[in-house]
């Protein structure tokens, strides 16, 4: 069904072969860039680089007559320039290596294999991104409790913490409102998220009905 034979003949290339190789690399690069743009925040310049990267690698592989060692060394140097100039996310780095792999396959003449690789990997990345694969919604919460300056906070919230949380860790104590109040910041893990309101009400009974704020602990997706 698929022909994975290389169209290249080491040592010499016809104009038709070179144009076909560059056109194929460009089309596949544009497809990769479109998938990257549709599934992740991006800059226009990086999307353009992704589109032309397979063409550049394919030409380099042709110039070194299919010598993989030399070609990979040259492209590795290009990659280092990118990584040293700006901090890229795991998603960006993954697409860079993906585009390089496609350019490598095209440069060696395996156009069908390059097209198949592009379709399969793009489909997988697009679907997994839409399914939010690998993203862990944290159970931990940030808890901020405002108390009067004359309230001794050590141990006063132990009972609701024991009842509603698996653990509660005091992270920060801060004076607010010109020193007339304190703001306590905790990291808490609720036993039952559905009882969050009950938990807040129990805290308000102990802090004089002052402000209680519960927020999610933010996680960076690229760190997961």
N, C-alpha and C. Protein backbone atom coordinates (compact mmCIF):
# COMPACT_ATOMS: atom_id res chain seq x y z
N UNK A 1 0.83 -1.20 0.00
CA UNK A 1 0.00 0.00 0.00
C UNK A 1 0.87 1.25 0.00
N UNK A 2 1.89 1.28 0.87
CA UNK A 2 2.80 2.43 0.94
C UNK A 2 4.16 2.03 0.42
N UNK A 3 4.77 2.93 -0.34
CA UNK A 3 6.12 2.69 -0.86
C UNK A 3 7.10 3.52 -0.03
N UNK A 4 7.95 2.84 0.75
CA UNK A 4 8.91 3.52 1.60
C UNK A 4 10.30 3.56 0.98
N UNK A 5 10.39 3.39 -0.31
CA UNK A 5 11.68 3.44 -1.00
C UNK A 5 12.16 4.88 -1.13
N UNK A 6 13.45 5.10 -0.92
CA UNK A 6 14.00 6.45 -1.03
C UNK A 6 14.09 6.88 -2.48
N UNK A 7 13.80 8.15 -2.76
CA UNK A 7 13.91 8.68 -4.11
C UNK A 7 15.30 9.23 -4.38
N UNK A 8 16.17 9.20 -3.37
CA UNK A 8 17.48 9.81 -3.49
C UNK A 8 18.50 8.81 -4.05
N UNK A 9 19.44 9.36 -4.80
CA UNK A 9 20.61 8.62 -5.26
C UNK A 9 21.84 9.38 -4.79
N UNK A 10 22.58 8.78 -3.87
CA UNK A 10 23.71 9.47 -3.24
C UNK A 10 24.69 9.99 -4.27
N UNK A 11 25.05 11.25 -4.12
CA UNK A 11 26.08 11.84 -4.96
C UNK A 11 25.55 12.81 -5.98
N UNK A 12 24.33 12.61 -6.47
CA UNK A 12 23.78 13.52 -7.48
C UNK A 12 22.27 13.58 -7.34
N UNK A 13 21.71 14.77 -7.58
CA UNK A 13 20.28 14.95 -7.48
C UNK A 13 19.83 15.74 -8.69
N UNK A 14 18.71 15.34 -9.28
CA UNK A 14 18.14 16.10 -10.39
C UNK A 14 17.38 17.28 -9.84
N UNK A 15 17.15 18.28 -10.67
CA UNK A 15 16.39 19.46 -10.25
C UNK A 15 14.99 19.06 -9.82
N UNK A 16 14.41 18.11 -10.52
CA UNK A 16 13.07 17.67 -10.18
C UNK A 16 13.03 17.04 -8.78
N UNK A 17 14.06 16.24 -8.48
CA UNK A 17 14.12 15.60 -7.16
C UNK A 17 14.29 16.63 -6.06
N UNK A 18 15.15 17.62 -6.28
CA UNK A 18 15.39 18.66 -5.27
C UNK A 18 14.12 19.47 -5.02
N UNK A 19 13.44 19.86 -6.11
CA UNK A 19 12.22 20.65 -5.95
C UNK A 19 11.12 19.84 -5.25
N UNK A 20 11.00 18.57 -5.62
CA UNK A 20 9.99 17.72 -4.98
C UNK A 20 10.28 17.56 -3.49
N UNK A 21 11.56 17.40 -3.16
CA UNK A 21 11.96 17.24 -1.76
C UNK A 21 11.67 18.51 -0.97
N UNK A 22 12.05 19.66 -1.49
CA UNK A 22 11.83 20.92 -0.77
C UNK A 22 10.35 21.24 -0.64
N UNK A 23 9.58 20.97 -1.70
CA UNK A 23 8.14 21.24 -1.64
C UNK A 23 7.46 20.35 -0.61
N UNK A 24 7.85 19.07 -0.59
CA UNK A 24 7.27 18.15 0.38
C UNK A 24 7.61 18.57 1.80
N UNK A 25 8.88 18.95 2.01
CA UNK A 25 9.30 19.38 3.35
C UNK A 25 8.54 20.62 3.78
N UNK A 26 8.31 21.56 2.85
CA UNK A 26 7.60 22.78 3.19
C UNK A 26 6.14 22.50 3.54
N UNK A 27 5.50 21.64 2.76
CA UNK A 27 4.09 21.30 3.04
C UNK A 27 3.95 20.64 4.39
N UNK A 28 4.82 19.68 4.67
CA UNK A 28 4.76 18.99 5.97
C UNK A 28 5.09 19.95 7.11
N UNK A 29 6.04 20.87 6.86
CA UNK A 29 6.37 21.86 7.88
C UNK A 29 5.21 22.78 8.19
N UNK A 30 4.48 23.19 7.17
CA UNK A 30 3.31 24.04 7.37
C UNK A 30 2.24 23.30 8.18
N UNK A 31 2.06 22.02 7.88
CA UNK A 31 1.09 21.21 8.64
C UNK A 31 1.49 21.16 10.11
N UNK A 32 2.77 20.93 10.37
CA UNK A 32 3.26 20.89 11.75
C UNK A 32 3.02 22.23 12.44
N UNK A 33 3.33 23.34 11.75
CA UNK A 33 3.14 24.67 12.33
C UNK A 33 1.67 24.95 12.62
N UNK A 34 0.76 24.51 11.74
CA UNK A 34 -0.66 24.72 11.94
C UNK A 34 -1.17 23.97 13.17
N UNK A 35 -0.70 22.73 13.33
CA UNK A 35 -1.10 21.96 14.51
C UNK A 35 -0.55 22.61 15.77
N UNK A 36 0.68 23.08 15.71
CA UNK A 36 1.27 23.77 16.86
C UNK A 36 0.46 25.02 17.22
N UNK A 37 0.08 25.81 16.22
CA UNK A 37 -0.67 27.04 16.47
C UNK A 37 -2.05 26.76 17.04
N UNK A 38 -2.68 25.68 16.59
CA UNK A 38 -4.05 25.39 17.02
C UNK A 38 -4.13 24.77 18.40
N UNK A 39 -3.01 24.28 18.92
CA UNK A 39 -3.07 23.53 20.17
C UNK A 39 -2.25 24.14 21.29
N UNK A 40 -1.65 25.32 21.06
CA UNK A 40 -0.79 25.88 22.10
C UNK A 40 -0.61 27.36 21.86
N UNK A 41 -0.37 28.09 22.94
CA UNK A 41 -0.02 29.51 22.79
C UNK A 41 1.31 29.60 22.06
N UNK A 42 1.46 30.63 21.23
CA UNK A 42 2.63 30.65 20.35
C UNK A 42 2.96 32.08 19.96
N UNK A 43 4.14 32.21 19.37
CA UNK A 43 4.52 33.45 18.70
C UNK A 43 4.57 33.17 17.21
N UNK A 44 4.25 34.17 16.41
CA UNK A 44 4.21 33.98 14.97
C UNK A 44 5.57 33.60 14.41
N UNK A 45 6.64 34.17 14.98
CA UNK A 45 7.98 33.87 14.48
C UNK A 45 8.34 32.40 14.68
N UNK A 46 7.95 31.84 15.84
CA UNK A 46 8.26 30.43 16.10
C UNK A 46 7.47 29.52 15.18
N UNK A 47 6.23 29.87 14.88
CA UNK A 47 5.43 29.08 13.95
C UNK A 47 6.06 29.08 12.55
N UNK A 48 6.59 30.22 12.13
CA UNK A 48 7.25 30.31 10.82
C UNK A 48 8.50 29.43 10.80
N UNK A 49 9.27 29.46 11.90
CA UNK A 49 10.47 28.63 12.00
C UNK A 49 10.10 27.15 11.88
N UNK A 50 9.04 26.74 12.56
CA UNK A 50 8.61 25.34 12.47
C UNK A 50 8.25 24.96 11.04
N UNK A 51 7.63 25.89 10.31
CA UNK A 51 7.21 25.59 8.94
C UNK A 51 8.40 25.37 8.01
N UNK A 52 9.48 26.13 8.21
CA UNK A 52 10.62 26.03 7.29
C UNK A 52 11.73 25.11 7.80
N UNK A 53 11.67 24.71 9.07
CA UNK A 53 12.72 23.88 9.63
C UNK A 53 12.91 22.56 8.88
N UNK A 54 11.83 21.84 8.50
CA UNK A 54 12.03 20.61 7.72
C UNK A 54 12.73 20.86 6.38
N UNK A 55 12.45 22.00 5.76
CA UNK A 55 13.11 22.33 4.48
C UNK A 55 14.61 22.51 4.71
N UNK A 56 14.97 23.25 5.74
CA UNK A 56 16.38 23.50 6.04
C UNK A 56 17.11 22.19 6.31
N UNK A 57 16.51 21.34 7.12
CA UNK A 57 17.18 20.07 7.44
C UNK A 57 17.29 19.18 6.22
N UNK A 58 16.21 19.13 5.42
CA UNK A 58 16.25 18.29 4.22
C UNK A 58 17.38 18.72 3.28
N UNK A 59 17.56 20.03 3.11
CA UNK A 59 18.63 20.54 2.25
C UNK A 59 20.00 20.19 2.83
N UNK A 60 20.15 20.32 4.16
CA UNK A 60 21.43 19.99 4.79
C UNK A 60 21.77 18.53 4.58
N UNK A 61 20.78 17.65 4.74
CA UNK A 61 21.01 16.22 4.55
C UNK A 61 21.42 15.93 3.11
N UNK A 62 20.80 16.64 2.16
CA UNK A 62 21.19 16.45 0.76
C UNK A 62 22.61 16.97 0.52
N UNK A 63 22.96 18.08 1.15
CA UNK A 63 24.29 18.65 0.94
C UNK A 63 25.40 17.75 1.47
N UNK A 64 25.12 17.01 2.53
CA UNK A 64 26.14 16.11 3.09
C UNK A 64 25.99 14.70 2.52
N UNK A 65 25.22 14.60 1.42
CA UNK A 65 25.06 13.33 0.71
C UNK A 65 24.52 12.21 1.61
N UNK A 66 23.58 12.57 2.46
CA UNK A 66 22.94 11.56 3.29
C UNK A 66 23.76 11.12 4.48
N UNK A 67 24.85 11.83 4.78
CA UNK A 67 25.66 11.47 5.94
C UNK A 67 24.93 11.92 7.20
N UNK A 68 24.34 10.96 7.92
CA UNK A 68 23.52 11.28 9.09
C UNK A 68 24.33 11.95 10.18
N UNK A 69 25.56 11.48 10.39
CA UNK A 69 26.38 12.04 11.45
C UNK A 69 26.62 13.52 11.25
N UNK A 70 27.05 13.91 10.05
CA UNK A 70 27.30 15.32 9.77
C UNK A 70 26.03 16.15 9.83
N UNK A 71 24.96 15.62 9.28
CA UNK A 71 23.69 16.36 9.28
C UNK A 71 23.16 16.61 10.67
N UNK A 72 23.25 15.59 11.52
CA UNK A 72 22.75 15.75 12.89
C UNK A 72 23.60 16.71 13.71
N UNK A 73 24.91 16.71 13.45
CA UNK A 73 25.78 17.66 14.15
C UNK A 73 25.42 19.09 13.78
N UNK A 74 25.18 19.35 12.50
CA UNK A 74 24.83 20.70 12.06
C UNK A 74 23.49 21.12 12.65
N UNK A 75 22.48 20.22 12.58
CA UNK A 75 21.16 20.58 13.12
C UNK A 75 21.20 20.68 14.63
N UNK A 76 22.06 19.89 15.27
CA UNK A 76 22.20 19.99 16.72
C UNK A 76 22.72 21.36 17.11
N UNK A 77 23.66 21.89 16.31
CA UNK A 77 24.18 23.23 16.58
C UNK A 77 23.08 24.27 16.44
N UNK A 78 22.21 24.13 15.42
CA UNK A 78 21.08 25.04 15.26
C UNK A 78 20.15 24.96 16.47
N UNK A 79 19.92 23.74 16.95
CA UNK A 79 19.05 23.57 18.10
C UNK A 79 19.60 24.23 19.34
N UNK A 80 20.92 24.14 19.53
CA UNK A 80 21.53 24.76 20.70
C UNK A 80 21.38 26.28 20.67
N UNK A 81 21.46 26.85 19.47
CA UNK A 81 21.28 28.29 19.34
C UNK A 81 19.89 28.68 19.82
N UNK A 82 18.90 27.90 19.45
CA UNK A 82 17.52 28.19 19.87
C UNK A 82 17.38 28.05 21.38
N UNK A 83 17.90 26.96 21.94
CA UNK A 83 17.71 26.70 23.35
C UNK A 83 18.48 27.69 24.22
N UNK A 84 19.62 28.21 23.74
CA UNK A 84 20.40 29.15 24.53
C UNK A 84 19.82 30.56 24.44
N UNK A 85 19.14 30.85 23.34
CA UNK A 85 18.64 32.21 23.15
C UNK A 85 17.33 32.47 23.87
N UNK A 86 16.55 31.42 24.11
CA UNK A 86 15.26 31.59 24.78
C UNK A 86 14.88 30.30 25.46
N UNK A 87 14.24 30.45 26.61
CA UNK A 87 13.80 29.27 27.33
C UNK A 87 12.54 28.74 26.70
N UNK A 88 12.60 27.54 26.15
CA UNK A 88 11.46 26.94 25.50
C UNK A 88 10.75 25.97 26.42
N UNK A 89 9.44 25.85 26.23
CA UNK A 89 8.69 24.87 27.00
C UNK A 89 8.93 23.49 26.42
N UNK A 90 8.51 22.47 27.15
CA UNK A 90 8.64 21.10 26.66
C UNK A 90 7.86 20.93 25.36
N UNK A 91 6.73 21.63 25.26
CA UNK A 91 5.92 21.56 24.04
C UNK A 91 6.69 22.12 22.84
N UNK A 92 7.33 23.26 23.02
CA UNK A 92 8.12 23.87 21.94
C UNK A 92 9.26 22.96 21.51
N UNK A 93 9.98 22.44 22.49
CA UNK A 93 11.12 21.57 22.18
C UNK A 93 10.67 20.31 21.47
N UNK A 94 9.53 19.77 21.89
CA UNK A 94 9.00 18.58 21.23
C UNK A 94 8.69 18.84 19.77
N UNK A 95 8.10 19.97 19.46
CA UNK A 95 7.79 20.29 18.07
C UNK A 95 9.05 20.55 17.26
N UNK A 96 10.08 21.11 17.88
CA UNK A 96 11.34 21.32 17.17
C UNK A 96 11.93 19.98 16.73
N UNK A 97 12.00 19.03 17.66
CA UNK A 97 12.55 17.72 17.30
C UNK A 97 11.65 16.98 16.32
N UNK A 98 10.36 17.18 16.44
CA UNK A 98 9.42 16.58 15.48
C UNK A 98 9.68 17.11 14.07
N UNK A 99 9.80 18.43 13.94
CA UNK A 99 10.08 19.03 12.63
C UNK A 99 11.43 18.58 12.10
N UNK A 100 12.42 18.43 12.98
CA UNK A 100 13.73 17.96 12.55
C UNK A 100 13.66 16.52 12.05
N UNK A 101 12.88 15.68 12.72
CA UNK A 101 12.74 14.28 12.29
C UNK A 101 12.09 14.20 10.92
N UNK A 102 11.08 15.03 10.69
CA UNK A 102 10.41 15.04 9.38
C UNK A 102 11.38 15.52 8.30
N UNK A 103 12.13 16.58 8.59
CA UNK A 103 13.12 17.07 7.62
C UNK A 103 14.18 16.03 7.32
N UNK A 104 14.59 15.26 8.34
CA UNK A 104 15.58 14.21 8.15
C UNK A 104 15.05 13.13 7.21
N UNK A 105 13.80 12.72 7.43
CA UNK A 105 13.21 11.69 6.57
C UNK A 105 13.07 12.18 5.13
N UNK A 106 12.65 13.44 4.97
CA UNK A 106 12.51 14.00 3.62
C UNK A 106 13.87 14.11 2.94
N UNK A 107 14.88 14.60 3.68
CA UNK A 107 16.21 14.75 3.11
C UNK A 107 16.83 13.45 2.65
N UNK A 108 16.46 12.36 3.30
CA UNK A 108 16.96 11.03 2.90
C UNK A 108 16.14 10.43 1.77
N UNK A 109 15.05 11.13 1.38
CA UNK A 109 14.26 10.66 0.26
C UNK A 109 13.06 9.81 0.62
N UNK A 110 12.80 9.62 1.91
CA UNK A 110 11.67 8.80 2.33
C UNK A 110 10.45 9.69 2.50
N UNK A 111 9.89 10.14 1.37
CA UNK A 111 8.80 11.11 1.42
C UNK A 111 7.52 10.51 2.01
N UNK A 112 7.22 9.27 1.64
CA UNK A 112 6.01 8.63 2.17
C UNK A 112 6.11 8.44 3.67
N UNK A 113 7.28 8.03 4.13
CA UNK A 113 7.50 7.85 5.57
C UNK A 113 7.37 9.18 6.30
N UNK A 114 7.91 10.24 5.72
CA UNK A 114 7.83 11.57 6.34
C UNK A 114 6.37 12.02 6.45
N UNK A 115 5.60 11.79 5.37
CA UNK A 115 4.19 12.19 5.38
C UNK A 115 3.41 11.39 6.43
N UNK A 116 3.69 10.09 6.50
CA UNK A 116 3.00 9.24 7.48
C UNK A 116 3.36 9.66 8.91
N UNK A 117 4.64 9.95 9.13
CA UNK A 117 5.09 10.42 10.44
C UNK A 117 4.38 11.71 10.83
N UNK A 118 4.26 12.64 9.89
CA UNK A 118 3.61 13.91 10.17
C UNK A 118 2.15 13.72 10.55
N UNK A 119 1.44 12.90 9.78
CA UNK A 119 0.02 12.68 10.04
C UNK A 119 -0.20 12.03 11.40
N UNK A 120 0.57 10.99 11.69
CA UNK A 120 0.37 10.24 12.94
C UNK A 120 0.71 11.09 14.15
N UNK A 121 1.87 11.75 14.13
CA UNK A 121 2.30 12.53 15.30
C UNK A 121 1.43 13.76 15.49
N UNK A 122 1.07 14.45 14.40
CA UNK A 122 0.20 15.62 14.52
C UNK A 122 -1.17 15.23 15.09
N UNK A 123 -1.71 14.13 14.60
CA UNK A 123 -3.01 13.67 15.11
C UNK A 123 -2.91 13.33 16.59
N UNK A 124 -1.82 12.64 16.97
CA UNK A 124 -1.65 12.26 18.37
C UNK A 124 -1.51 13.48 19.27
N UNK A 125 -0.68 14.46 18.85
CA UNK A 125 -0.49 15.66 19.65
C UNK A 125 -1.77 16.47 19.76
N UNK A 126 -2.50 16.58 18.66
CA UNK A 126 -3.73 17.37 18.66
C UNK A 126 -4.77 16.74 19.59
N UNK A 127 -4.93 15.42 19.50
CA UNK A 127 -5.93 14.73 20.31
C UNK A 127 -5.56 14.76 21.79
N UNK A 128 -4.29 14.48 22.10
CA UNK A 128 -3.86 14.48 23.49
C UNK A 128 -3.97 15.86 24.12
N UNK A 129 -3.68 16.91 23.35
CA UNK A 129 -3.82 18.27 23.87
C UNK A 129 -5.28 18.58 24.15
N UNK A 130 -6.18 18.18 23.24
CA UNK A 130 -7.60 18.44 23.44
C UNK A 130 -8.16 17.67 24.64
N UNK A 131 -7.60 16.50 24.91
CA UNK A 131 -8.03 15.69 26.05
C UNK A 131 -7.36 16.12 27.35
N UNK A 132 -6.46 17.13 27.27
CA UNK A 132 -5.70 17.61 28.43
C UNK A 132 -4.95 16.45 29.09
N UNK A 133 -4.37 15.62 28.24
CA UNK A 133 -3.65 14.44 28.73
C UNK A 133 -2.44 14.87 29.57
N UNK A 134 -2.29 14.26 30.72
CA UNK A 134 -1.14 14.53 31.58
C UNK A 134 -1.29 15.72 32.50
N UNK A 135 -2.40 16.45 32.39
CA UNK A 135 -2.62 17.61 33.25
C UNK A 135 -3.30 17.14 34.53
N UNK A 136 -2.68 17.38 35.62
CA UNK A 136 -3.21 16.96 36.91
C UNK A 136 -3.82 18.16 37.63
N UNK A 137 -5.13 18.07 37.88
CA UNK A 137 -5.80 19.14 38.61
C UNK A 137 -5.47 19.00 40.10
N UNK A 138 -4.75 19.94 40.67
CA UNK A 138 -4.30 19.78 42.04
C UNK A 138 -5.45 19.82 43.03
N UNK A 139 -5.37 19.00 44.07
CA UNK A 139 -6.35 18.99 45.14
C UNK A 139 -6.05 20.07 46.17
N UNK A 140 -4.81 20.49 46.24
CA UNK A 140 -4.43 21.48 47.25
C UNK A 140 -5.08 22.84 46.96
N UNK A 141 -5.34 23.57 48.04
CA UNK A 141 -5.93 24.90 47.94
C UNK A 141 -5.10 25.89 48.73
N UNK A 142 -5.11 27.13 48.26
CA UNK A 142 -4.57 28.23 49.05
C UNK A 142 -5.70 28.75 49.94
N UNK A 143 -5.44 28.88 51.20
CA UNK A 143 -6.42 29.38 52.15
C UNK A 143 -5.87 30.64 52.82
N UNK A 144 -6.60 31.75 52.71
CA UNK A 144 -6.19 33.00 53.37
C UNK A 144 -7.26 33.39 54.37
N UNK A 145 -6.84 33.56 55.60
CA UNK A 145 -7.75 33.89 56.70
C UNK A 145 -7.32 35.21 57.32
N UNK A 146 -8.26 36.14 57.40
CA UNK A 146 -8.00 37.43 58.05
C UNK A 146 -8.47 37.34 59.51
N UNK A 147 -7.61 37.77 60.42
CA UNK A 147 -7.95 37.74 61.85
C UNK A 147 -7.59 39.07 62.49
N UNK A 148 -8.25 39.43 63.61
CA UNK A 148 -7.87 40.66 64.34
C UNK A 148 -6.47 40.51 64.94
N UNK A 149 -5.81 41.61 65.17
CA UNK A 149 -4.44 41.56 65.67
C UNK A 149 -4.35 40.98 67.08
N UNK A 150 -5.43 41.05 67.84
CA UNK A 150 -5.39 40.56 69.22
C UNK A 150 -5.81 39.10 69.35
N UNK A 151 -6.08 38.41 68.22
CA UNK A 151 -6.49 37.01 68.27
C UNK A 151 -5.26 36.11 68.20
N UNK A 152 -5.11 35.22 69.15
CA UNK A 152 -4.00 34.27 69.14
C UNK A 152 -4.35 33.13 68.17
N UNK A 153 -3.65 33.10 67.03
CA UNK A 153 -4.05 32.16 65.97
C UNK A 153 -3.47 30.77 66.13
N UNK A 154 -2.48 30.58 66.98
CA UNK A 154 -1.88 29.25 67.15
C UNK A 154 -2.90 28.28 67.74
N UNK A 155 -3.31 27.31 66.98
CA UNK A 155 -4.21 26.27 67.45
C UNK A 155 -5.68 26.59 67.34
N UNK A 156 -6.04 27.85 67.01
CA UNK A 156 -7.45 28.20 67.00
C UNK A 156 -8.23 27.53 65.87
N UNK A 157 -7.53 27.20 64.78
CA UNK A 157 -8.21 26.57 63.64
C UNK A 157 -7.95 25.07 63.57
N UNK A 158 -7.37 24.50 64.60
CA UNK A 158 -7.02 23.07 64.56
C UNK A 158 -8.24 22.17 64.37
N UNK A 159 -9.34 22.52 65.03
CA UNK A 159 -10.53 21.66 64.95
C UNK A 159 -11.11 21.59 63.54
N UNK A 160 -11.38 22.73 62.87
CA UNK A 160 -11.88 22.63 61.49
C UNK A 160 -10.85 22.02 60.53
N UNK A 161 -9.56 22.27 60.77
CA UNK A 161 -8.55 21.64 59.92
C UNK A 161 -8.61 20.12 60.07
N UNK A 162 -8.75 19.64 61.30
CA UNK A 162 -8.79 18.20 61.55
C UNK A 162 -10.05 17.58 60.94
N UNK A 163 -11.15 18.33 60.98
CA UNK A 163 -12.43 17.80 60.48
C UNK A 163 -12.51 17.79 58.97
N UNK A 164 -12.02 18.85 58.31
CA UNK A 164 -12.28 19.02 56.88
C UNK A 164 -11.06 18.82 55.98
N UNK A 165 -9.85 18.73 56.53
CA UNK A 165 -8.66 18.62 55.68
C UNK A 165 -7.83 17.40 56.03
N UNK A 166 -7.08 16.94 55.03
CA UNK A 166 -6.09 15.90 55.28
C UNK A 166 -4.85 16.49 55.95
N UNK A 167 -4.54 17.72 55.57
CA UNK A 167 -3.45 18.45 56.22
C UNK A 167 -3.61 19.93 55.94
N UNK A 168 -3.04 20.75 56.80
CA UNK A 168 -3.03 22.20 56.62
C UNK A 168 -1.65 22.71 57.03
N UNK A 169 -1.01 23.44 56.12
CA UNK A 169 0.35 23.91 56.37
C UNK A 169 0.39 25.43 56.30
N UNK A 170 0.82 26.05 57.40
CA UNK A 170 0.91 27.51 57.43
C UNK A 170 2.10 27.96 56.59
N UNK A 171 1.83 28.80 55.58
CA UNK A 171 2.87 29.26 54.67
C UNK A 171 3.36 30.67 54.99
N UNK A 172 2.45 31.53 55.44
CA UNK A 172 2.85 32.94 55.62
C UNK A 172 1.93 33.62 56.62
N UNK A 173 2.49 34.54 57.39
CA UNK A 173 1.72 35.42 58.27
C UNK A 173 2.05 36.86 57.88
N UNK A 174 1.03 37.65 57.60
CA UNK A 174 1.25 39.00 57.08
C UNK A 174 0.33 39.99 57.79
N UNK A 175 0.88 41.13 58.16
CA UNK A 175 0.03 42.19 58.75
C UNK A 175 -0.61 42.98 57.62
N UNK A 176 -1.87 43.35 57.81
CA UNK A 176 -2.60 44.12 56.80
C UNK A 176 -3.40 45.21 57.50
N UNK A 177 -4.01 46.09 56.71
CA UNK A 177 -4.87 47.16 57.22
C UNK A 177 -4.15 47.99 58.28
N UNK A 178 -2.93 48.43 57.91
CA UNK A 178 -2.10 49.27 58.79
C UNK A 178 -1.76 48.58 60.11
N UNK A 179 -1.60 47.27 60.05
CA UNK A 179 -1.18 46.52 61.22
C UNK A 179 -2.29 46.17 62.18
N UNK A 180 -3.55 46.48 61.83
CA UNK A 180 -4.66 46.19 62.74
C UNK A 180 -5.18 44.76 62.56
N UNK A 181 -4.71 44.08 61.52
CA UNK A 181 -5.16 42.71 61.27
C UNK A 181 -3.99 41.88 60.77
N UNK A 182 -4.18 40.56 60.82
CA UNK A 182 -3.22 39.62 60.26
C UNK A 182 -3.90 38.83 59.14
N UNK A 183 -3.10 38.46 58.16
CA UNK A 183 -3.57 37.55 57.11
C UNK A 183 -2.73 36.28 57.17
N UNK A 184 -3.36 35.15 57.42
CA UNK A 184 -2.69 33.86 57.49
C UNK A 184 -2.90 33.11 56.19
N UNK A 185 -1.84 32.62 55.61
CA UNK A 185 -1.93 31.87 54.35
C UNK A 185 -1.53 30.43 54.60
N UNK A 186 -2.44 29.51 54.26
CA UNK A 186 -2.22 28.08 54.44
C UNK A 186 -2.29 27.37 53.10
N UNK A 187 -1.64 26.21 53.03
CA UNK A 187 -1.86 25.24 51.97
C UNK A 187 -2.66 24.11 52.60
N UNK A 188 -3.85 23.84 52.07
CA UNK A 188 -4.71 22.81 52.65
C UNK A 188 -5.12 21.80 51.59
N UNK A 189 -5.39 20.59 52.04
CA UNK A 189 -5.90 19.53 51.17
C UNK A 189 -7.23 19.08 51.75
N UNK A 190 -8.33 19.44 51.09
CA UNK A 190 -9.66 19.13 51.61
C UNK A 190 -9.97 17.65 51.47
N UNK A 191 -10.55 17.09 52.52
CA UNK A 191 -10.97 15.69 52.46
C UNK A 191 -12.11 15.51 51.46
N UNK A 192 -13.06 16.42 51.49
CA UNK A 192 -14.22 16.36 50.60
C UNK A 192 -14.45 17.75 50.02
N UNK A 193 -14.09 17.99 48.75
CA UNK A 193 -14.25 19.32 48.15
C UNK A 193 -15.69 19.84 48.19
N UNK A 194 -16.66 18.94 48.25
CA UNK A 194 -18.05 19.37 48.26
C UNK A 194 -18.42 20.05 49.58
N UNK A 195 -17.59 19.90 50.61
CA UNK A 195 -17.86 20.52 51.91
C UNK A 195 -17.03 21.78 52.12
N UNK A 196 -16.62 22.39 51.03
CA UNK A 196 -15.79 23.59 51.14
C UNK A 196 -16.52 24.72 51.85
N UNK A 197 -17.82 24.89 51.56
CA UNK A 197 -18.59 25.96 52.21
C UNK A 197 -18.67 25.72 53.73
N UNK A 198 -18.91 24.46 54.11
CA UNK A 198 -18.96 24.15 55.54
C UNK A 198 -17.62 24.48 56.21
N UNK A 199 -16.57 24.18 55.51
CA UNK A 199 -15.22 24.46 56.02
C UNK A 199 -15.02 25.96 56.23
N UNK A 200 -15.42 26.74 55.23
CA UNK A 200 -15.28 28.20 55.34
C UNK A 200 -16.13 28.74 56.48
N UNK A 201 -17.36 28.25 56.61
CA UNK A 201 -18.23 28.71 57.69
C UNK A 201 -17.62 28.41 59.07
N UNK A 202 -16.99 27.21 59.18
CA UNK A 202 -16.36 26.85 60.46
C UNK A 202 -15.19 27.78 60.78
N UNK A 203 -14.47 28.22 59.75
CA UNK A 203 -13.37 29.15 59.97
C UNK A 203 -13.88 30.54 60.36
N UNK A 204 -14.99 30.95 59.74
CA UNK A 204 -15.54 32.28 60.03
C UNK A 204 -16.03 32.39 61.46
N UNK A 205 -16.45 31.26 62.02
CA UNK A 205 -16.90 31.28 63.41
C UNK A 205 -15.75 31.54 64.37
N UNK A 206 -14.52 31.34 63.88
CA UNK A 206 -13.35 31.48 64.76
C UNK A 206 -12.52 32.73 64.46
N UNK A 207 -12.77 33.38 63.33
CA UNK A 207 -11.97 34.58 63.02
C UNK A 207 -12.80 35.86 63.09
N UNK A 208 -13.96 35.78 63.76
CA UNK A 208 -14.79 36.97 63.92
C UNK A 208 -15.53 37.35 62.66
N UNK A 209 -15.81 36.36 61.82
CA UNK A 209 -16.56 36.57 60.57
C UNK A 209 -15.84 37.54 59.62
N UNK A 210 -14.51 37.54 59.68
CA UNK A 210 -13.73 38.34 58.74
C UNK A 210 -13.49 37.53 57.46
N UNK A 211 -12.72 38.09 56.56
CA UNK A 211 -12.55 37.51 55.23
C UNK A 211 -11.84 36.16 55.28
N UNK A 212 -12.40 35.19 54.52
CA UNK A 212 -11.76 33.88 54.30
C UNK A 212 -11.77 33.64 52.79
N UNK A 213 -10.61 33.40 52.22
CA UNK A 213 -10.49 33.21 50.77
C UNK A 213 -9.86 31.85 50.49
N UNK A 214 -10.50 31.07 49.61
CA UNK A 214 -9.97 29.78 49.18
C UNK A 214 -9.75 29.84 47.67
N UNK A 215 -8.54 29.58 47.23
CA UNK A 215 -8.21 29.58 45.80
C UNK A 215 -7.42 28.33 45.45
N UNK A 216 -7.42 27.99 44.16
CA UNK A 216 -6.67 26.84 43.70
C UNK A 216 -5.19 27.14 43.70
N UNK A 217 -4.39 26.10 43.92
CA UNK A 217 -2.94 26.22 43.82
C UNK A 217 -2.59 26.03 42.35
N UNK A 218 -2.05 27.08 41.72
CA UNK A 218 -1.77 27.03 40.29
C UNK A 218 -0.58 26.13 40.01
N UNK A 219 -0.70 25.36 38.92
CA UNK A 219 0.39 24.53 38.45
C UNK A 219 0.71 24.92 37.02
N UNK A 220 1.97 24.86 36.66
CA UNK A 220 2.39 25.09 35.28
C UNK A 220 2.33 23.78 34.53
N UNK A 221 1.54 23.70 33.41
CA UNK A 221 1.37 22.48 32.63
C UNK A 221 2.68 21.92 32.13
N UNK A 222 3.65 22.73 31.73
CA UNK A 222 4.89 22.27 31.16
C UNK A 222 5.76 21.60 32.18
N UNK A 223 5.46 21.86 33.56
CA UNK A 223 6.26 21.25 34.61
C UNK A 223 5.77 19.87 34.99
N UNK A 224 4.58 19.49 34.39
CA UNK A 224 4.03 18.22 34.81
C UNK A 224 4.65 17.09 34.04
